[in-house]
Amino acid sequence: MPYFDKRVYQYTRIIATLAVYIIGTILAIDSQAQKIVKKAIPDKLVVLTFDDAPASQYSIAAPLLKKYGFNATFFVCEFPNFKDSTKYMTWYQIQQLGLMGFEVANHTKTHPGVSHLSKDQFLKELKYIDDQCDSLKIGKTQTFAYPGYDLDAKTLVILQEQNFLFARAGGDRAYDPKTDHPYLIPSWAMNSENIESIHTAILQAKDGKIVVLTIHGVPDIEHPWVTTTPEVLDEHLKFLYDNHYKVVSLKDLAQYMNIENALSQIKPVFVKK
């Protein structure tokens, strides 16, 4: 074989070997992703979550959600002024949210930074909300939201021990179920001043990624810096409705996920862009 032909032959074999390796790697990654995602994630899938149990979530947000036929998750806790029903929902109203078909979920009792709690303290916070829900026949909570987006590695271990499905954090990016840990689900926080940012965020619900939004009071009397006016919420909901988005609660995502596989296969990444 001429020298030139021999070199071409060798290079061809090298390229072919690399191609087989690359294709095999891609197929292996895709197979692993398929084991995590058990049902194709549609474009235009959005999760709405409401934090802190302000009274306006029952009187204003819930009727608006019903108007458009949307589901949502309400992460409840008890701030120090929780007994002031002009500022916060009563447990009867929270029960009614559950009866309306919304998800009632766990935001701890007192809204602490959970990374600063011992395991026993954190479990006590979780148990209080679960006990309240159980007494009202709402059922054990299945998802969790980190107060103030504060979290650490030990928190994830405890949540898994307590059989939570998902936990929502911050991060201002779309949720990719194939690569994001189920206890580190990113979200965007809505308020009255970031209408364009939220609109841009919503458009990212495509190509297997899910948009999760965090909303507080509508309006929020005690925490005005996170308030969303009824008009702004209605504007976003109308956009979602008019453009045929599917709007669900956080626990509804379980229909798309093999959560056990996701928990075992996806390494938690606490700072991700």
Protein backbone atom coordinates (compact mmCIF):
# COMPACT_ATOMS: atom_id res chain seq x y z
CA MET A 1 0.00 0.00 0.00
CA PRO A 2 1.47 3.40 -0.97
CA TYR A 3 2.50 5.60 2.00
CA PHE A 4 -0.14 8.24 1.20
CA ASP A 5 -2.92 5.63 0.96
CA LYS A 6 -1.80 4.05 4.24
CA ARG A 7 -2.06 7.39 6.07
CA VAL A 8 -5.51 8.04 4.62
CA TYR A 9 -6.57 4.56 5.74
CA GLN A 10 -5.28 5.15 9.26
CA TYR A 11 -6.96 8.54 9.55
CA THR A 12 -10.22 7.06 8.25
CA ARG A 13 -10.11 4.36 10.92
CA ILE A 14 -9.43 6.95 13.63
CA ILE A 15 -12.33 9.13 12.47
CA ALA A 16 -14.65 6.12 12.30
CA THR A 17 -13.66 5.05 15.83
CA LEU A 18 -14.28 8.55 17.16
CA ALA A 19 -17.64 8.70 15.42
CA VAL A 20 -18.72 5.42 16.99
CA TYR A 21 -17.61 6.66 20.42
CA ILE A 22 -19.42 10.00 20.08
CA ILE A 23 -22.62 8.39 18.84
CA GLY A 24 -22.48 5.82 21.65
CA THR A 25 -22.01 8.58 24.23
CA ILE A 26 -24.93 10.58 22.84
CA LEU A 27 -27.15 7.50 22.86
CA ALA A 28 -26.13 6.69 26.45
CA ILE A 29 -26.92 10.23 27.61
CA ASP A 30 -30.25 10.17 25.77
CA SER A 31 -31.10 6.78 27.30
CA GLN A 32 -30.37 8.11 30.78
CA ALA A 33 -32.55 11.17 30.13
CA GLN A 34 -35.37 8.93 28.96
CA LYS A 35 -35.21 7.05 32.25
CA ILE A 36 -35.69 10.38 34.06
CA VAL A 37 -38.39 11.79 31.78
CA LYS A 38 -41.12 9.18 31.39
CA LYS A 39 -43.49 11.31 29.32
CA ALA A 40 -42.62 13.88 26.68
CA ILE A 41 -42.66 17.38 28.13
CA PRO A 42 -44.79 19.61 25.93
CA ASP A 43 -43.84 23.11 24.90
CA LYS A 44 -45.69 25.88 26.75
CA LEU A 45 -45.74 24.11 30.12
CA VAL A 46 -45.82 26.58 33.04
CA VAL A 47 -46.01 26.05 36.81
CA LEU A 48 -47.53 28.78 38.99
CA THR A 49 -46.55 28.87 42.66
CA PHE A 50 -47.80 31.26 45.35
CA ASP A 51 -45.84 31.84 48.58
CA ASP A 52 -46.51 32.90 52.17
CA ALA A 53 -50.34 32.63 52.38
CA PRO A 54 -51.34 36.31 52.11
CA ALA A 55 -55.11 36.83 52.20
CA SER A 56 -55.24 38.12 48.63
CA GLN A 57 -54.25 34.70 47.29
CA TYR A 58 -57.65 33.40 48.38
CA SER A 59 -59.75 36.46 47.61
CA ILE A 60 -58.10 37.55 44.34
CA ALA A 61 -55.55 35.07 42.93
CA ALA A 62 -57.68 31.91 43.26
CA PRO A 63 -60.72 33.39 41.45
CA LEU A 64 -58.44 34.65 38.65
CA LEU A 65 -56.91 31.18 38.29
CA LYS A 66 -60.38 29.63 38.16
CA LYS A 67 -61.43 32.20 35.55
CA TYR A 68 -58.77 30.85 33.18
CA GLY A 69 -59.00 27.19 34.25
CA PHE A 70 -55.45 27.08 35.61
CA ASN A 71 -54.00 25.03 38.44
CA ALA A 72 -51.33 26.27 40.88
CA THR A 73 -49.42 25.47 44.05
CA PHE A 74 -49.88 27.48 47.26
CA PHE A 75 -46.86 27.24 49.59
CA VAL A 76 -48.22 28.12 53.01
CA CYS A 77 -46.54 29.21 56.23
CA GLU A 78 -47.43 31.28 59.30
CA PHE A 79 -45.73 34.65 59.58
CA PRO A 80 -45.89 36.35 63.02
CA ASN A 81 -49.04 38.26 61.99
CA PHE A 82 -50.67 35.16 60.52
CA LYS A 83 -53.73 35.51 62.79
CA ASP A 84 -54.50 38.89 61.20
CA SER A 85 -56.99 37.76 58.56
CA THR A 86 -56.73 41.12 56.77
CA LYS A 87 -53.15 40.16 55.87
CA TYR A 88 -53.10 36.36 55.75
CA MET A 89 -55.40 33.51 54.85
CA THR A 90 -57.09 31.53 57.58
CA TRP A 91 -56.60 27.78 57.65
CA TYR A 92 -60.24 27.47 56.61
CA GLN A 93 -59.45 29.45 53.46
CA ILE A 94 -56.36 27.34 52.84
CA GLN A 95 -58.56 24.27 53.16
CA GLN A 96 -60.91 25.77 50.57
CA LEU A 97 -58.01 26.16 48.15
CA GLY A 98 -57.40 22.43 48.47
CA LEU A 99 -61.08 21.71 47.89
CA MET A 100 -60.95 23.88 44.75
CA GLY A 101 -58.32 21.52 43.37
CA PHE A 102 -55.23 23.61 43.99
CA GLU A 103 -52.13 22.10 45.56
CA VAL A 104 -51.47 23.18 49.15
CA ALA A 105 -47.76 22.72 49.85
CA ASN A 106 -45.11 23.21 52.53
CA HIS A 107 -43.25 26.47 53.14
CA THR A 108 -42.39 25.66 56.81
CA LYS A 109 -44.27 27.05 59.79
CA THR A 110 -42.26 30.20 60.53
CA HIS A 111 -40.46 30.93 57.22
CA PRO A 112 -36.89 30.47 58.58
CA GLY A 113 -33.66 30.18 56.64
CA VAL A 114 -33.57 26.40 56.60
CA SER A 115 -29.80 26.16 56.16
CA HIS A 116 -29.49 27.50 59.71
CA LEU A 117 -31.77 24.85 61.24
CA SER A 118 -30.82 21.54 62.78
CA LYS A 119 -32.46 18.44 61.36
CA ASP A 120 -34.90 18.28 64.28
CA GLN A 121 -35.81 21.94 63.90
CA PHE A 122 -36.43 21.55 60.18
CA LEU A 123 -38.54 18.44 60.69
CA LYS A 124 -40.61 20.29 63.30
CA GLU A 125 -41.23 23.11 60.81
CA LEU A 126 -42.34 20.66 58.12
CA LYS A 127 -44.47 18.59 60.49
CA TYR A 128 -46.46 21.58 61.71
CA ILE A 129 -47.72 22.34 58.20
CA ASP A 130 -48.37 18.66 57.49
CA ASP A 131 -50.31 18.28 60.73
CA GLN A 132 -52.46 21.30 59.90
CA CYS A 133 -53.15 19.95 56.42
CA ASP A 134 -53.91 16.50 57.78
CA SER A 135 -56.39 17.86 60.34
CA LEU A 136 -58.22 19.66 57.53
CA LYS A 137 -58.22 16.60 55.24
CA ILE A 138 -55.96 18.34 52.73
CA GLY A 139 -53.43 15.52 52.92
CA LYS A 140 -49.68 15.40 53.45
CA THR A 141 -47.77 18.01 51.48
CA GLN A 142 -45.80 16.67 48.52
CA THR A 143 -43.73 19.66 47.45
CA PHE A 144 -41.65 22.26 49.26
CA ALA A 145 -40.43 25.82 48.66
CA TYR A 146 -37.35 27.21 50.38
CA PRO A 147 -38.16 30.34 52.42
CA GLY A 148 -36.08 33.17 51.01
CA TYR A 149 -34.53 30.61 48.62
CA ASP A 150 -32.15 29.65 51.47
CA LEU A 151 -30.92 26.04 51.24
CA ASP A 152 -28.00 23.68 51.68
CA ALA A 153 -27.04 20.06 50.99
CA LYS A 154 -28.42 18.63 54.23
CA THR A 155 -31.84 20.10 53.44
CA LEU A 156 -32.05 17.99 50.29
CA VAL A 157 -31.28 14.83 52.24
CA ILE A 158 -34.05 15.55 54.73
CA LEU A 159 -36.57 16.30 51.99
CA GLN A 160 -35.79 12.96 50.35
CA GLU A 161 -36.15 11.16 53.67
CA GLN A 162 -39.59 12.75 53.99
CA ASN A 163 -40.55 11.60 50.46
CA PHE A 164 -41.13 15.03 48.92
CA LEU A 165 -41.56 15.00 45.15
CA PHE A 166 -40.11 18.41 44.30
CA ALA A 167 -38.67 21.50 45.95
CA ARG A 168 -38.66 24.95 44.40
CA ALA A 169 -35.81 27.45 44.65
CA GLY A 170 -34.95 30.69 42.80
CA GLY A 171 -32.43 31.16 40.03
CA ASP A 172 -34.25 33.07 37.26
CA ARG A 173 -34.04 30.36 34.61
CA ALA A 174 -36.13 27.58 33.14
CA TYR A 175 -36.31 24.14 34.73
CA ASP A 176 -34.67 21.34 32.74
CA PRO A 177 -35.91 18.02 34.21
CA LYS A 178 -33.07 16.12 32.53
CA THR A 179 -30.33 18.05 34.32
CA ASP A 180 -31.86 19.94 37.28
CA HIS A 181 -32.21 18.08 40.57
CA PRO A 182 -35.89 17.71 41.63
CA TYR A 183 -35.13 19.54 44.88
CA LEU A 184 -33.45 22.46 43.11
CA ILE A 185 -36.15 23.56 40.70
CA PRO A 186 -35.43 27.12 39.54
CA SER A 187 -38.04 29.84 39.24
CA TRP A 188 -38.61 33.48 38.43
CA ALA A 189 -40.22 35.76 41.04
CA MET A 190 -43.06 37.90 39.69
CA ASN A 191 -43.88 41.40 40.91
CA SER A 192 -45.61 44.48 39.55
CA GLU A 193 -42.39 45.97 38.19
CA ASN A 194 -40.96 43.13 36.08
CA ILE A 195 -43.71 42.53 33.54
CA GLU A 196 -41.36 42.35 30.55
CA SER A 197 -38.92 40.04 32.34
CA ILE A 198 -41.70 37.61 33.22
CA HIS A 199 -43.05 37.74 29.68
CA THR A 200 -39.57 36.88 28.35
CA ALA A 201 -39.29 34.09 30.91
CA ILE A 202 -42.60 32.53 29.89
CA LEU A 203 -41.39 32.25 26.31
CA GLN A 204 -38.63 29.88 27.47
CA ALA A 205 -41.14 27.09 28.11
CA LYS A 206 -40.06 24.97 25.14
CA ASP A 207 -37.59 22.29 24.01
CA GLY A 208 -38.16 20.16 27.11
CA LYS A 209 -37.85 23.03 29.57
CA ILE A 210 -40.53 24.15 32.02
CA VAL A 211 -41.09 27.68 33.34
CA VAL A 212 -41.86 27.99 37.05
CA LEU A 213 -43.07 31.31 38.48
CA THR A 214 -43.08 32.46 42.11
CA ILE A 215 -45.82 34.88 43.14
CA HIS A 216 -46.51 36.42 46.54
CA GLY A 217 -49.46 38.61 47.50
CA VAL A 218 -51.88 39.97 44.90
CA PRO A 219 -51.34 42.51 46.40
CA ASP A 220 -48.98 41.78 49.31
CA ILE A 221 -49.84 44.14 52.17
CA GLU A 222 -47.10 43.13 54.60
CA HIS A 223 -44.33 42.66 52.01
CA PRO A 224 -44.95 45.36 49.37
CA TRP A 225 -41.55 44.83 47.72
CA VAL A 226 -42.82 41.51 46.32
CA THR A 227 -46.37 42.63 45.56
CA THR A 228 -48.13 41.86 42.30
CA THR A 229 -51.24 43.87 41.53
CA PRO A 230 -54.38 42.01 40.44
CA GLU A 231 -54.14 43.78 37.08
CA VAL A 232 -50.59 42.54 36.45
CA LEU A 233 -51.43 38.97 37.44
CA ASP A 234 -54.50 39.04 35.22
CA GLU A 235 -52.39 40.33 32.33
CA HIS A 236 -49.96 37.42 32.65
CA LEU A 237 -52.75 34.85 33.05
CA LYS A 238 -54.55 36.21 29.99
CA PHE A 239 -51.34 35.93 27.95
CA LEU A 240 -50.93 32.32 29.04
CA TYR A 241 -54.56 31.54 28.22
CA ASP A 242 -54.63 33.33 24.86
CA ASN A 243 -51.43 31.61 23.75
CA HIS A 244 -52.54 28.13 24.79
CA TYR A 245 -50.09 27.47 27.62
CA LYS A 246 -50.69 24.53 29.94
CA VAL A 247 -50.59 25.84 33.52
CA VAL A 248 -50.19 23.29 36.31
CA SER A 249 -49.22 22.86 39.95
CA LEU A 250 -45.73 21.76 40.92
CA LYS A 251 -46.82 18.26 41.94
CA ASP A 252 -48.47 17.84 38.53
CA LEU A 253 -44.97 17.54 37.04
CA ALA A 254 -44.74 14.05 38.57
CA GLN A 255 -46.69 12.73 35.57
CA TYR A 256 -43.71 13.58 33.36
CA MET A 257 -40.93 12.41 35.65
CA ASN A 258 -39.46 9.25 37.07
CA ILE A 259 -38.58 11.06 40.28
CA GLU A 260 -36.71 8.16 41.88
CA ASN A 261 -34.37 8.00 38.88
CA ALA A 262 -33.93 11.77 38.86
CA LEU A 263 -33.01 11.82 42.54
CA SER A 264 -30.44 9.06 42.11
CA GLN A 265 -28.93 10.17 38.79
CA ILE A 266 -28.83 13.97 38.89
CA LYS A 267 -26.12 15.52 41.04
CA PRO A 268 -27.28 18.63 42.93
CA VAL A 269 -25.70 21.81 41.58
CA PHE A 270 -26.28 24.72 43.93
CA VAL A 271 -25.04 27.50 41.65
CA LYS A 272 -26.13 27.08 38.06
CA LYS A 273 -26.52 29.48 35.16
